[in-house]
Amino acid sequence: MRHARDVKPSARGELEITDLQTCYLTAGTLRVERMGRGFAWLDTGTFESLIDAASFVQTLEMRQGMKVACLEEIAFQLGFIDRDQIMVLAKSLEKSGYGNYLTEVIRSTDPAGGARVSEIS
C-alpha cells in the first residue's frame, strides 16, 4: 500500500497497475506469482473492455453452470461459513438467480459438508 499513494494518473488519466509494479520492482520488493490454468487477467480500463470482460464471465458461467468468484460459495467450500450460514444468505437472495445458485450449491454438496458433487464425479 505504501507505493500506491505515489502512483500518479497516466496520460489517459488513469492509475496504471504497471506503474505500481514498477515502484515495487525499483524498491526490490516485487513478488510475482504465475497465474495457473483457469485464471485470467482482464483489463477493464475502458467501457469496451469492461463489456468484453462481462461477456467473458457470462459465457463461462453459462457454459460451466457455476458462478465466477462467488464469495459465499468459496467461503462455504473453505469452511469459513457452514451450511446454516450459507442457507441464510441464500434465503435473503431467494428472489434472484444468485440466491437460486446458492441454494443449488447447498443441495449439490456432500451431506458431510465436503466438495460439490460435480467435483467428485
PDB file of N, CA and C in Angstrom:
ATOM      1  N   MET A   1       0.818  -1.192   0.000  1.00  0.00           N
ATOM      2  CA  MET A   1       0.000   0.000   0.000  1.00  0.00           C
ATOM      3  C   MET A   1       0.864   1.259   0.000  1.00  0.00           C
ATOM      4  N   ARG A   2       2.072   1.139   0.528  1.00  0.00           N
ATOM      5  CA  ARG A   2       2.888   2.352   0.645  1.00  0.00           C
ATOM      6  C   ARG A   2       3.201   2.974  -0.703  1.00  0.00           C
ATOM      7  N   HIS A   3       3.339   2.169  -1.755  1.00  0.00           N
ATOM      8  CA  HIS A   3       3.663   2.718  -3.067  1.00  0.00           C
ATOM      9  C   HIS A   3       2.424   3.221  -3.813  1.00  0.00           C
ATOM     10  N   ALA A   4       1.264   2.730  -3.468  1.00  0.00           N
ATOM     11  CA  ALA A   4       0.040   3.118  -4.174  1.00  0.00           C
ATOM     12  C   ALA A   4      -0.215   4.617  -4.082  1.00  0.00           C
ATOM     13  N   ARG A   5       0.148   5.214  -2.966  1.00  0.00           N
ATOM     14  CA  ARG A   5      -0.042   6.662  -2.802  1.00  0.00           C
ATOM     15  C   ARG A   5       0.819   7.475  -3.764  1.00  0.00           C
ATOM     16  N   ASP A   6       1.925   6.879  -4.206  1.00  0.00           N
ATOM     17  CA  ASP A   6       2.874   7.591  -5.065  1.00  0.00           C
ATOM     18  C   ASP A   6       2.523   7.525  -6.550  1.00  0.00           C
ATOM     19  N   VAL A   7       1.609   6.644  -6.915  1.00  0.00           N
ATOM     20  CA  VAL A   7       1.252   6.484  -8.325  1.00  0.00           C
ATOM     21  C   VAL A   7       0.415   7.672  -8.777  1.00  0.00           C
ATOM     22  N   LYS A   8       0.809   8.245  -9.892  1.00  0.00           N
ATOM     23  CA  LYS A   8       0.107   9.401 -10.461  1.00  0.00           C
ATOM     24  C   LYS A   8      -0.669   8.952 -11.702  1.00  0.00           C
ATOM     25  N   PRO A   9      -1.754   9.632 -12.024  1.00  0.00           N
ATOM     26  CA  PRO A   9      -2.524   9.270 -13.226  1.00  0.00           C
ATOM     27  C   PRO A   9      -1.665   9.355 -14.496  1.00  0.00           C
ATOM     28  N   SER A  10      -1.934   8.430 -15.402  1.00  0.00           N
ATOM     29  CA  SER A  10      -1.225   8.381 -16.680  1.00  0.00           C
ATOM     30  C   SER A  10      -1.775   9.450 -17.623  1.00  0.00           C
ATOM     31  N   ALA A  11      -1.255   9.465 -18.831  1.00  0.00           N
ATOM     32  CA  ALA A  11      -1.735  10.407 -19.851  1.00  0.00           C
ATOM     33  C   ALA A  11      -3.221  10.186 -20.143  1.00  0.00           C
ATOM     34  N   ARG A  12      -3.689   8.943 -19.899  1.00  0.00           N
ATOM     35  CA  ARG A  12      -5.118   8.637 -20.090  1.00  0.00           C
ATOM     36  C   ARG A  12      -5.943   9.069 -18.893  1.00  0.00           C
ATOM     37  N   GLY A  13      -5.255   9.567 -17.847  1.00  0.00           N
ATOM     38  CA  GLY A  13      -5.972  10.000 -16.654  1.00  0.00           C
ATOM     39  C   GLY A  13      -6.304   8.863 -15.713  1.00  0.00           C
ATOM     40  N   GLU A  14      -5.642   7.711 -15.880  1.00  0.00           N
ATOM     41  CA  GLU A  14      -5.932   6.546 -15.053  1.00  0.00           C
ATOM     42  C   GLU A  14      -4.714   6.153 -14.232  1.00  0.00           C
ATOM     43  N   LEU A  15      -4.968   5.490 -13.125  1.00  0.00           N
ATOM     44  CA  LEU A  15      -3.892   4.899 -12.342  1.00  0.00           C
ATOM     45  C   LEU A  15      -3.564   3.553 -12.978  1.00  0.00           C
ATOM     46  N   GLU A  16      -2.331   3.378 -13.355  1.00  0.00           N
ATOM     47  CA  GLU A  16      -1.928   2.170 -14.089  1.00  0.00           C
ATOM     48  C   GLU A  16      -1.270   1.167 -13.152  1.00  0.00           C
ATOM     49  N   ILE A  17      -1.720  -0.079 -13.226  1.00  0.00           N
ATOM     50  CA  ILE A  17      -1.153  -1.129 -12.388  1.00  0.00           C
ATOM     51  C   ILE A  17       0.324  -1.319 -12.693  1.00  0.00           C
ATOM     52  N   THR A  18       0.722  -1.121 -13.943  1.00  0.00           N
ATOM     53  CA  THR A  18       2.131  -1.298 -14.295  1.00  0.00           C
ATOM     54  C   THR A  18       3.012  -0.256 -13.603  1.00  0.00           C
ATOM     55  N   ASP A  19       2.492   0.940 -13.362  1.00  0.00           N
ATOM     56  CA  ASP A  19       3.264   1.952 -12.629  1.00  0.00           C
ATOM     57  C   ASP A  19       3.490   1.512 -11.189  1.00  0.00           C
ATOM     58  N   LEU A  20       2.493   0.906 -10.592  1.00  0.00           N
ATOM     59  CA  LEU A  20       2.631   0.405  -9.227  1.00  0.00           C
ATOM     60  C   LEU A  20       3.634  -0.748  -9.191  1.00  0.00           C
ATOM     61  N   GLN A  21       3.550  -1.628 -10.169  1.00  0.00           N
ATOM     62  CA  GLN A  21       4.505  -2.741 -10.234  1.00  0.00           C
ATOM     63  C   GLN A  21       5.934  -2.223 -10.392  1.00  0.00           C
ATOM     64  N   THR A  22       6.111  -1.178 -11.184  1.00  0.00           N
ATOM     65  CA  THR A  22       7.435  -0.585 -11.369  1.00  0.00           C
ATOM     66  C   THR A  22       7.982  -0.038 -10.051  1.00  0.00           C
ATOM     67  N   CYS A  23       7.119   0.559  -9.238  1.00  0.00           N
ATOM     68  CA  CYS A  23       7.541   1.060  -7.915  1.00  0.00           C
ATOM     69  C   CYS A  23       8.102  -0.079  -7.066  1.00  0.00           C
ATOM     70  N   TYR A  24       7.388  -1.200  -7.025  1.00  0.00           N
ATOM     71  CA  TYR A  24       7.845  -2.340  -6.236  1.00  0.00           C
ATOM     72  C   TYR A  24       9.118  -2.941  -6.831  1.00  0.00           C
ATOM     73  N   LEU A  25       9.205  -3.002  -8.167  1.00  0.00           N
ATOM     74  CA  LEU A  25      10.401  -3.527  -8.825  1.00  0.00           C
ATOM     75  C   LEU A  25      11.613  -2.667  -8.489  1.00  0.00           C
ATOM     76  N   THR A  26      11.454  -1.351  -8.578  1.00  0.00           N
ATOM     77  CA  THR A  26      12.538  -0.410  -8.267  1.00  0.00           C
ATOM     78  C   THR A  26      12.986  -0.550  -6.806  1.00  0.00           C
ATOM     79  N   ALA A  27      12.044  -0.775  -5.919  1.00  0.00           N
ATOM     80  CA  ALA A  27      12.353  -0.927  -4.494  1.00  0.00           C
ATOM     81  C   ALA A  27      12.922  -2.314  -4.166  1.00  0.00           C
ATOM     82  N   GLY A  28      12.880  -3.216  -5.152  1.00  0.00           N
ATOM     83  CA  GLY A  28      13.380  -4.569  -4.919  1.00  0.00           C
ATOM     84  C   GLY A  28      12.442  -5.437  -4.111  1.00  0.00           C
ATOM     85  N   THR A  29      11.174  -5.066  -4.056  1.00  0.00           N
ATOM     86  CA  THR A  29      10.205  -5.811  -3.243  1.00  0.00           C
ATOM     87  C   THR A  29       9.075  -6.427  -4.068  1.00  0.00           C
ATOM     88  N   LEU A  30       9.245  -6.451  -5.384  1.00  0.00           N
ATOM     89  CA  LEU A  30       8.206  -7.025  -6.244  1.00  0.00           C
ATOM     90  C   LEU A  30       8.228  -8.546  -6.132  1.00  0.00           C
ATOM     91  N   ARG A  31       7.068  -9.128  -5.864  1.00  0.00           N
ATOM     92  CA  ARG A  31       6.898 -10.575  -5.859  1.00  0.00           C
ATOM     93  C   ARG A  31       5.941 -10.930  -6.978  1.00  0.00           C
ATOM     94  N   VAL A  32       6.280 -11.945  -7.736  1.00  0.00           N
ATOM     95  CA  VAL A  32       5.478 -12.346  -8.884  1.00  0.00           C
ATOM     96  C   VAL A  32       4.984 -13.767  -8.678  1.00  0.00           C
ATOM     97  N   GLU A  33       3.723 -13.975  -8.955  1.00  0.00           N
ATOM     98  CA  GLU A  33       3.126 -15.308  -8.919  1.00  0.00           C
ATOM     99  C   GLU A  33       2.548 -15.591 -10.297  1.00  0.00           C
ATOM    100  N   ARG A  34       2.892 -16.723 -10.854  1.00  0.00           N
ATOM    101  CA  ARG A  34       2.299 -17.113 -12.134  1.00  0.00           C
ATOM    102  C   ARG A  34       0.852 -17.523 -11.912  1.00  0.00           C
ATOM    103  N   MET A  35       0.000 -17.062 -12.777  1.00  0.00           N
ATOM    104  CA  MET A  35      -1.391 -17.492 -12.712  1.00  0.00           C
ATOM    105  C   MET A  35      -1.486 -18.815 -13.461  1.00  0.00           C
ATOM    106  N   GLY A  36      -2.001 -19.815 -12.798  1.00  0.00           N
ATOM    107  CA  GLY A  36      -2.104 -21.137 -13.397  1.00  0.00           C
ATOM    108  C   GLY A  36      -3.304 -21.256 -14.317  1.00  0.00           C
ATOM    109  N   ARG A  37      -3.475 -22.437 -14.786  1.00  0.00           N
ATOM    110  CA  ARG A  37      -4.601 -22.731 -15.666  1.00  0.00           C
ATOM    111  C   ARG A  37      -5.906 -22.401 -14.955  1.00  0.00           C
ATOM    112  N   GLY A  38      -6.824 -21.783 -15.665  1.00  0.00           N
ATOM    113  CA  GLY A  38      -8.108 -21.429 -15.089  1.00  0.00           C
ATOM    114  C   GLY A  38      -8.178 -20.007 -14.575  1.00  0.00           C
ATOM    115  N   PHE A  39      -7.073 -19.266 -14.663  1.00  0.00           N
ATOM    116  CA  PHE A  39      -7.045 -17.870 -14.246  1.00  0.00           C
ATOM    117  C   PHE A  39      -6.977 -16.985 -15.481  1.00  0.00           C
ATOM    118  N   ALA A  40      -7.543 -15.813 -15.391  1.00  0.00           N
ATOM    119  CA  ALA A  40      -7.470 -14.850 -16.493  1.00  0.00           C
ATOM    120  C   ALA A  40      -7.365 -13.451 -15.907  1.00  0.00           C
ATOM    121  N   TRP A  41      -6.542 -12.622 -16.517  1.00  0.00           N
ATOM    122  CA  TRP A  41      -6.435 -11.212 -16.136  1.00  0.00           C
ATOM    123  C   TRP A  41      -7.171 -10.431 -17.206  1.00  0.00           C
ATOM    124  N   LEU A  42      -8.164  -9.676 -16.793  1.00  0.00           N
ATOM    125  CA  LEU A  42      -8.960  -8.905 -17.745  1.00  0.00           C
ATOM    126  C   LEU A  42      -8.804  -7.429 -17.439  1.00  0.00           C
ATOM    127  N   ASP A  43      -8.304  -6.677 -18.396  1.00  0.00           N
ATOM    128  CA  ASP A  43      -8.165  -5.230 -18.239  1.00  0.00           C
ATOM    129  C   ASP A  43      -9.531  -4.614 -18.509  1.00  0.00           C
ATOM    130  N   THR A  44     -10.021  -3.850 -17.564  1.00  0.00           N
ATOM    131  CA  THR A  44     -11.347  -3.231 -17.713  1.00  0.00           C
ATOM    132  C   THR A  44     -11.251  -1.716 -17.642  1.00  0.00           C
ATOM    133  N   GLY A  45     -10.198  -1.193 -18.235  1.00  0.00           N
ATOM    134  CA  GLY A  45      -9.953   0.242 -18.168  1.00  0.00           C
ATOM    135  C   GLY A  45     -10.787   1.089 -19.115  1.00  0.00           C
ATOM    136  N   THR A  46     -11.477   0.459 -20.044  1.00  0.00           N
ATOM    137  CA  THR A  46     -12.340   1.210 -20.965  1.00  0.00           C
ATOM    138  C   THR A  46     -13.741   0.598 -20.923  1.00  0.00           C
ATOM    139  N   PHE A  47     -14.717   1.354 -21.401  1.00  0.00           N
ATOM    140  CA  PHE A  47     -16.082   0.819 -21.443  1.00  0.00           C
ATOM    141  C   PHE A  47     -16.129  -0.445 -22.291  1.00  0.00           C
ATOM    142  N   GLU A  48     -15.429  -0.427 -23.425  1.00  0.00           N
ATOM    143  CA  GLU A  48     -15.435  -1.586 -24.322  1.00  0.00           C
ATOM    144  C   GLU A  48     -14.808  -2.808 -23.653  1.00  0.00           C
ATOM    145  N   SER A  49     -13.674  -2.618 -22.968  1.00  0.00           N
ATOM    146  CA  SER A  49     -13.022  -3.758 -22.318  1.00  0.00           C
ATOM    147  C   SER A  49     -13.844  -4.257 -21.121  1.00  0.00           C
ATOM    148  N   LEU A  50     -14.579  -3.366 -20.476  1.00  0.00           N
ATOM    149  CA  LEU A  50     -15.458  -3.781 -19.384  1.00  0.00           C
ATOM    150  C   LEU A  50     -16.589  -4.661 -19.920  1.00  0.00           C
ATOM    151  N   ILE A  51     -17.145  -4.286 -21.041  1.00  0.00           N
ATOM    152  CA  ILE A  51     -18.194  -5.095 -21.675  1.00  0.00           C
ATOM    153  C   ILE A  51     -17.622  -6.438 -22.118  1.00  0.00           C
ATOM    154  N   ASP A  52     -16.398  -6.417 -22.680  1.00  0.00           N
ATOM    155  CA  ASP A  52     -15.743  -7.667 -23.088  1.00  0.00           C
ATOM    156  C   ASP A  52     -15.565  -8.598 -21.892  1.00  0.00           C
ATOM    157  N   ALA A  53     -15.114  -8.039 -20.762  1.00  0.00           N
ATOM    158  CA  ALA A  53     -14.901  -8.844 -19.561  1.00  0.00           C
ATOM    159  C   ALA A  53     -16.224  -9.417 -19.050  1.00  0.00           C
ATOM    160  N   ALA A  54     -17.263  -8.600 -19.042  1.00  0.00           N
ATOM    161  CA  ALA A  54     -18.578  -9.070 -18.586  1.00  0.00           C
ATOM    162  C   ALA A  54     -19.087 -10.191 -19.484  1.00  0.00           C
ATOM    163  N   SER A  55     -18.886 -10.063 -20.779  1.00  0.00           N
ATOM    164  CA  SER A  55     -19.305 -11.109 -21.724  1.00  0.00           C
ATOM    165  C   SER A  55     -18.513 -12.392 -21.502  1.00  0.00           C
ATOM    166  N   PHE A  56     -17.216 -12.246 -21.232  1.00  0.00           N
ATOM    167  CA  PHE A  56     -16.357 -13.399 -20.962  1.00  0.00           C
ATOM    168  C   PHE A  56     -16.857 -14.150 -19.725  1.00  0.00           C
ATOM    169  N   VAL A  57     -17.116 -13.422 -18.648  1.00  0.00           N
ATOM    170  CA  VAL A  57     -17.588 -14.030 -17.406  1.00  0.00           C
ATOM    171  C   VAL A  57     -18.962 -14.670 -17.625  1.00  0.00           C
ATOM    172  N   GLN A  58     -19.839 -13.983 -18.328  1.00  0.00           N
ATOM    173  CA  GLN A  58     -21.171 -14.534 -18.598  1.00  0.00           C
ATOM    174  C   GLN A  58     -21.071 -15.838 -19.382  1.00  0.00           C
ATOM    175  N   THR A  59     -20.212 -15.874 -20.384  1.00  0.00           N
ATOM    176  CA  THR A  59     -20.031 -17.083 -21.188  1.00  0.00           C
ATOM    177  C   THR A  59     -19.524 -18.228 -20.321  1.00  0.00           C
ATOM    178  N   LEU A  60     -18.523 -17.962 -19.488  1.00  0.00           N
ATOM    179  CA  LEU A  60     -18.012 -19.007 -18.599  1.00  0.00           C
ATOM    180  C   LEU A  60     -19.099 -19.537 -17.677  1.00  0.00           C
ATOM    181  N   GLU A  61     -19.845 -18.630 -17.066  1.00  0.00           N
ATOM    182  CA  GLU A  61     -20.887 -19.049 -16.133  1.00  0.00           C
ATOM    183  C   GLU A  61     -21.967 -19.873 -16.825  1.00  0.00           C
ATOM    184  N   MET A  62     -22.363 -19.448 -18.000  1.00  0.00           N
ATOM    185  CA  MET A  62     -23.419 -20.166 -18.726  1.00  0.00           C
ATOM    186  C   MET A  62     -22.937 -21.553 -19.151  1.00  0.00           C
ATOM    187  N   ARG A  63     -21.714 -21.648 -19.648  1.00  0.00           N
ATOM    188  CA  ARG A  63     -21.205 -22.935 -20.134  1.00  0.00           C
ATOM    189  C   ARG A  63     -20.837 -23.886 -19.004  1.00  0.00           C
ATOM    190  N   GLN A  64     -20.322 -23.352 -17.909  1.00  0.00           N
ATOM    191  CA  GLN A  64     -19.862 -24.192 -16.806  1.00  0.00           C
ATOM    192  C   GLN A  64     -20.956 -24.474 -15.779  1.00  0.00           C
ATOM    193  N   GLY A  65     -21.981 -23.618 -15.742  1.00  0.00           N
ATOM    194  CA  GLY A  65     -23.046 -23.799 -14.759  1.00  0.00           C
ATOM    195  C   GLY A  65     -22.629 -23.409 -13.354  1.00  0.00           C
ATOM    196  N   MET A  66     -21.535 -22.650 -13.253  1.00  0.00           N
ATOM    197  CA  MET A  66     -21.043 -22.191 -11.952  1.00  0.00           C
ATOM    198  C   MET A  66     -20.739 -20.708 -12.043  1.00  0.00           C
ATOM    199  N   LYS A  67     -20.851 -20.019 -10.917  1.00  0.00           N
ATOM    200  CA  LYS A  67     -20.544 -18.596 -10.860  1.00  0.00           C
ATOM    201  C   LYS A  67     -19.032 -18.394 -10.774  1.00  0.00           C
ATOM    202  N   VAL A  68     -18.577 -17.289 -11.319  1.00  0.00           N
ATOM    203  CA  VAL A  68     -17.184 -16.892 -11.197  1.00  0.00           C
ATOM    204  C   VAL A  68     -17.050 -16.046  -9.929  1.00  0.00           C
ATOM    205  N   ALA A  69     -16.152 -16.449  -9.053  1.00  0.00           N
ATOM    206  CA  ALA A  69     -15.855 -15.701  -7.823  1.00  0.00           C
ATOM    207  C   ALA A  69     -17.078 -15.484  -6.940  1.00  0.00           C
ATOM    208  N   CYS A  70     -17.852 -16.516  -6.736  1.00  0.00           N
ATOM    209  CA  CYS A  70     -18.993 -16.453  -5.812  1.00  0.00           C
ATOM    210  C   CYS A  70     -18.437 -16.555  -4.395  1.00  0.00           C
ATOM    211  N   LEU A  71     -18.342 -15.416  -3.719  1.00  0.00           N
ATOM    212  CA  LEU A  71     -17.678 -15.364  -2.416  1.00  0.00           C
ATOM    213  C   LEU A  71     -18.331 -16.255  -1.376  1.00  0.00           C
ATOM    214  N   GLU A  72     -19.642 -16.346  -1.401  1.00  0.00           N
ATOM    215  CA  GLU A  72     -20.350 -17.196  -0.442  1.00  0.00           C
ATOM    216  C   GLU A  72     -19.993 -18.670  -0.677  1.00  0.00           C
ATOM    217  N   GLU A  73     -19.961 -19.065  -1.935  1.00  0.00           N
ATOM    218  CA  GLU A  73     -19.607 -20.446  -2.274  1.00  0.00           C
ATOM    219  C   GLU A  73     -18.170 -20.754  -1.855  1.00  0.00           C
ATOM    220  N   ILE A  74     -17.265 -19.837  -2.128  1.00  0.00           N
ATOM    221  CA  ILE A  74     -15.863 -20.026  -1.757  1.00  0.00           C
ATOM    222  C   ILE A  74     -15.726 -20.132  -0.241  1.00  0.00           C
ATOM    223  N   ALA A  75     -16.387 -19.236   0.489  1.00  0.00           N
ATOM    224  CA  ALA A  75     -16.324 -19.267   1.952  1.00  0.00           C
ATOM    225  C   ALA A  75     -16.879 -20.584   2.488  1.00  0.00           C
ATOM    226  N   PHE A  76     -17.938 -21.083   1.888  1.00  0.00           N
ATOM    227  CA  PHE A  76     -18.541 -22.348   2.294  1.00  0.00           C
ATOM    228  C   PHE A  76     -17.586 -23.509   2.026  1.00  0.00           C
ATOM    229  N   GLN A  77     -17.012 -23.540   0.828  1.00  0.00           N
ATOM    230  CA  GLN A  77     -16.105 -24.631   0.463  1.00  0.00           C
ATOM    231  C   GLN A  77     -14.848 -24.642   1.330  1.00  0.00           C
ATOM    232  N   LEU A  78     -14.390 -23.470   1.751  1.00  0.00           N
ATOM    233  CA  LEU A  78     -13.182 -23.390   2.571  1.00  0.00           C
ATOM    234  C   LEU A  78     -13.462 -23.510   4.072  1.00  0.00           C
ATOM    235  N   GLY A  79     -14.747 -23.637   4.417  1.00  0.00           N
ATOM    236  CA  GLY A  79     -15.111 -23.833   5.819  1.00  0.00           C
ATOM    237  C   GLY A  79     -15.194 -22.557   6.642  1.00  0.00           C
ATOM    238  N   PHE A  80     -15.200 -21.402   5.984  1.00  0.00           N
ATOM    239  CA  PHE A  80     -15.327 -20.140   6.719  1.00  0.00           C
ATOM    240  C   PHE A  80     -16.766 -19.899   7.170  1.00  0.00           C
ATOM    241  N   ILE A  81     -17.714 -20.461   6.421  1.00  0.00           N
ATOM    242  CA  ILE A  81     -19.119 -20.432   6.829  1.00  0.00           C
ATOM    243  C   ILE A  81     -19.661 -21.852   6.717  1.00  0.00           C
ATOM    244  N   ASP A  82     -20.655 -22.164   7.514  1.00  0.00           N
ATOM    245  CA  ASP A  82     -21.209 -23.515   7.486  1.00  0.00           C
ATOM    246  C   ASP A  82     -22.502 -23.554   6.664  1.00  0.00           C
ATOM    247  N   ARG A  83     -23.078 -24.729   6.591  1.00  0.00           N
ATOM    248  CA  ARG A  83     -24.299 -24.937   5.798  1.00  0.00           C
ATOM    249  C   ARG A  83     -25.421 -24.004   6.247  1.00  0.00           C
ATOM    250  N   ASP A  84     -25.596 -23.832   7.546  1.00  0.00           N
ATOM    251  CA  ASP A  84     -26.662 -22.952   8.052  1.00  0.00           C
ATOM    252  C   ASP A  84     -26.434 -21.503   7.630  1.00  0.00           C
ATOM    253  N   GLN A  85     -25.200 -21.067   7.687  1.00  0.00           N
ATOM    254  CA  GLN A  85     -24.900 -19.682   7.314  1.00  0.00           C
ATOM    255  C   GLN A  85     -25.135 -19.432   5.828  1.00  0.00           C
ATOM    256  N   ILE A  86     -24.736 -20.360   4.979  1.00  0.00           N
ATOM    257  CA  ILE A  86     -24.949 -20.149   3.540  1.00  0.00           C
ATOM    258  C   ILE A  86     -26.438 -20.248   3.212  1.00  0.00           C
ATOM    259  N   MET A  87     -27.170 -21.049   3.985  1.00  0.00           N
ATOM    260  CA  MET A  87     -28.621 -21.133   3.777  1.00  0.00           C
ATOM    261  C   MET A  87     -29.290 -19.797   4.083  1.00  0.00           C
ATOM    262  N   VAL A  88     -28.850 -19.128   5.137  1.00  0.00           N
ATOM    263  CA  VAL A  88     -29.392 -17.812   5.488  1.00  0.00           C
ATOM    264  C   VAL A  88     -29.101 -16.824   4.355  1.00  0.00           C
ATOM    265  N   LEU A  89     -27.895 -16.862   3.829  1.00  0.00           N
ATOM    266  CA  LEU A  89     -27.528 -15.968   2.725  1.00  0.00           C
ATOM    267  C   LEU A  89     -28.361 -16.266   1.488  1.00  0.00           C
ATOM    268  N   ALA A  90     -28.527 -17.542   1.182  1.00  0.00           N
ATOM    269  CA  ALA A  90     -29.320 -17.926   0.016  1.00  0.00           C
ATOM    270  C   ALA A  90     -30.770 -17.470   0.173  1.00  0.00           C
ATOM    271  N   LYS A  91     -31.307 -17.637   1.366  1.00  0.00           N
ATOM    272  CA  LYS A  91     -32.696 -17.242   1.637  1.00  0.00           C
ATOM    273  C   LYS A  91     -32.882 -15.737   1.438  1.00  0.00           C
ATOM    274  N   SER A  92     -31.895 -14.951   1.862  1.00  0.00           N
ATOM    275  CA  SER A  92     -32.021 -13.494   1.732  1.00  0.00           C
ATOM    276  C   SER A  92     -31.972 -13.041   0.274  1.00  0.00           C
ATOM    277  N   LEU A  93     -31.493 -13.906  -0.595  1.00  0.00           N
ATOM    278  CA  LEU A  93     -31.381 -13.573  -2.019  1.00  0.00           C
ATOM    279  C   LEU A  93     -32.259 -14.471  -2.885  1.00  0.00           C
ATOM    280  N   GLU A  94     -33.262 -15.115  -2.272  1.00  0.00           N
ATOM    281  CA  GLU A  94     -34.044 -16.142  -2.964  1.00  0.00           C
ATOM    282  C   GLU A  94     -34.805 -15.643  -4.193  1.00  0.00           C
ATOM    283  N   LYS A  95     -35.056 -14.347  -4.282  1.00  0.00           N
ATOM    284  CA  LYS A  95     -35.801 -13.827  -5.439  1.00  0.00           C
ATOM    285  C   LYS A  95     -34.898 -13.556  -6.635  1.00  0.00           C
ATOM    286  N   SER A  96     -33.613 -13.813  -6.479  1.00  0.00           N
ATOM    287  CA  SER A  96     -32.679 -13.564  -7.581  1.00  0.00           C
ATOM    288  C   SER A  96     -32.066 -14.876  -8.055  1.00  0.00           C
ATOM    289  N   GLY A  97     -31.504 -14.846  -9.222  1.00  0.00           N
ATOM    290  CA  GLY A  97     -30.791 -16.004  -9.736  1.00  0.00           C
ATOM    291  C   GLY A  97     -29.605 -16.359  -8.866  1.00  0.00           C
ATOM    292  N   TYR A  98     -29.020 -15.360  -8.230  1.00  0.00           N
ATOM    293  CA  TYR A  98     -27.876 -15.585  -7.353  1.00  0.00           C
ATOM    294  C   TYR A  98     -28.290 -16.403  -6.130  1.00  0.00           C
ATOM    295  N   GLY A  99     -29.421 -16.064  -5.552  1.00  0.00           N
ATOM    296  CA  GLY A  99     -29.935 -16.838  -4.423  1.00  0.00           C
ATOM    297  C   GLY A  99     -30.243 -18.268  -4.817  1.00  0.00           C
ATOM    298  N   ASN A 100     -30.805 -18.435  -5.999  1.00  0.00           N
ATOM    299  CA  ASN A 100     -31.077 -19.782  -6.507  1.00  0.00           C
ATOM    300  C   ASN A 100     -29.787 -20.568  -6.681  1.00  0.00           C
ATOM    301  N   TYR A 101     -28.741 -19.894  -7.165  1.00  0.00           N
ATOM    302  CA  TYR A 101     -27.448 -20.543  -7.337  1.00  0.00           C
ATOM    303  C   TYR A 101     -26.909 -21.020  -5.988  1.00  0.00           C
ATOM    304  N   LEU A 102     -26.988 -20.162  -4.970  1.00  0.00           N
ATOM    305  CA  LEU A 102     -26.503 -20.556  -3.645  1.00  0.00           C
ATOM    306  C   LEU A 102     -27.287 -21.744  -3.103  1.00  0.00           C
ATOM    307  N   THR A 103     -28.586 -21.760  -3.339  1.00  0.00           N
ATOM    308  CA  THR A 103     -29.411 -22.888  -2.911  1.00  0.00           C
ATOM    309  C   THR A 103     -28.943 -24.164  -3.598  1.00  0.00           C
ATOM    310  N   GLU A 104     -28.606 -24.070  -4.880  1.00  0.00           N
ATOM    311  CA  GLU A 104     -28.116 -25.236  -5.616  1.00  0.00           C
ATOM    312  C   GLU A 104     -26.747 -25.677  -5.102  1.00  0.00           C
ATOM    313  N   VAL A 105     -25.914 -24.735  -4.707  1.00  0.00           N
ATOM    314  CA  VAL A 105     -24.611 -25.070  -4.121  1.00  0.00           C
ATOM    315  C   VAL A 105     -24.834 -25.919  -2.869  1.00  0.00           C
ATOM    316  N   ILE A 106     -25.795 -25.526  -2.046  1.00  0.00           N
ATOM    317  CA  ILE A 106     -26.094 -26.269  -0.820  1.00  0.00           C
ATOM    318  C   ILE A 106     -26.580 -27.674  -1.166  1.00  0.00           C
ATOM    319  N   ARG A 107     -27.507 -27.748  -2.117  1.00  0.00           N
ATOM    320  CA  ARG A 107     -28.087 -29.053  -2.497  1.00  0.00           C
ATOM    321  C   ARG A 107     -27.061 -29.994  -3.105  1.00  0.00           C
ATOM    322  N   SER A 108     -26.095 -29.434  -3.840  1.00  0.00           N
ATOM    323  CA  SER A 108     -25.155 -30.279  -4.575  1.00  0.00           C
ATOM    324  C   SER A 108     -23.914 -30.659  -3.780  1.00  0.00           C
ATOM    325  N   THR A 109     -23.875 -30.290  -2.500  1.00  0.00           N
ATOM    326  CA  THR A 109     -22.732 -30.667  -1.683  1.00  0.00           C
ATOM    327  C   THR A 109     -22.983 -31.975  -0.972  1.00  0.00           C
ATOM    328  N   ASP A 110     -21.920 -32.628  -0.679  1.00  0.00           N
ATOM    329  CA  ASP A 110     -21.965 -33.856   0.085  1.00  0.00           C
ATOM    330  C   ASP A 110     -22.554 -33.531   1.457  1.00  0.00           C
ATOM    331  N   PRO A 111     -23.490 -34.321   1.975  1.00  0.00           N
ATOM    332  CA  PRO A 111     -24.076 -34.036   3.286  1.00  0.00           C
ATOM    333  C   PRO A 111     -23.041 -33.876   4.399  1.00  0.00           C
ATOM    334  N   ALA A 112     -21.864 -34.454   4.222  1.00  0.00           N
ATOM    335  CA  ALA A 112     -20.818 -34.322   5.236  1.00  0.00           C
ATOM    336  C   ALA A 112     -20.138 -32.954   5.176  1.00  0.00           C
ATOM    337  N   GLY A 113     -20.568 -32.121   4.207  1.00  0.00           N
ATOM    338  CA  GLY A 113     -20.025 -30.774   4.120  1.00  0.00           C
ATOM    339  C   GLY A 113     -18.807 -30.665   3.230  1.00  0.00           C
ATOM    340  N   GLY A 114     -18.607 -31.655   2.352  1.00  0.00           N
ATOM    341  CA  GLY A 114     -17.417 -31.649   1.516  1.00  0.00           C
ATOM    342  C   GLY A 114     -17.613 -30.946   0.189  1.00  0.00           C
ATOM    343  N   ALA A 115     -16.972 -31.474  -0.827  1.00  0.00           N
ATOM    344  CA  ALA A 115     -16.949 -30.845  -2.139  1.00  0.00           C
ATOM    345  C   ALA A 115     -18.282 -30.985  -2.842  1.00  0.00           C
ATOM    346  N   ARG A 116     -18.448 -30.150  -3.873  1.00  0.00           N
ATOM    347  CA  ARG A 116     -19.644 -30.256  -4.702  1.00  0.00           C
ATOM    348  C   ARG A 116     -19.648 -31.609  -5.399  1.00  0.00           C
ATOM    349  N   VAL A 117     -20.833 -32.154  -5.605  1.00  0.00           N
ATOM    350  CA  VAL A 117     -20.978 -33.439  -6.272  1.00  0.00           C
ATOM    351  C   VAL A 117     -20.282 -33.423  -7.623  1.00  0.00           C
ATOM    352  N   SER A 118     -20.378 -32.306  -8.365  1.00  0.00           N
ATOM    353  CA  SER A 118     -19.759 -32.215  -9.683  1.00  0.00           C
ATOM    354  C   SER A 118     -18.245 -32.310  -9.614  1.00  0.00           C
ATOM    355  N   GLU A 119     -17.629 -31.969  -8.476  1.00  0.00           N
ATOM    356  CA  GLU A 119     -16.179 -32.048  -8.333  1.00  0.00           C
ATOM    357  C   GLU A 119     -15.732 -33.459  -8.006  1.00  0.00           C
ATOM    358  N   ILE A 120     -16.637 -34.269  -7.511  1.00  0.00           N
ATOM    359  CA  ILE A 120     -16.289 -35.633  -7.106  1.00  0.00           C
ATOM    360  C   ILE A 120     -16.353 -36.571  -8.293  1.00  0.00           C
ATOM    361  N   SER A 121     -17.347 -36.400  -9.134  1.00  0.00           N
ATOM    362  CA  SER A 121     -17.551 -37.339 -10.241  1.00  0.00           C
ATOM    363  C   SER A 121     -16.719 -37.040 -11.449  1.00  0.00           C
TER     364      SER A 121
END
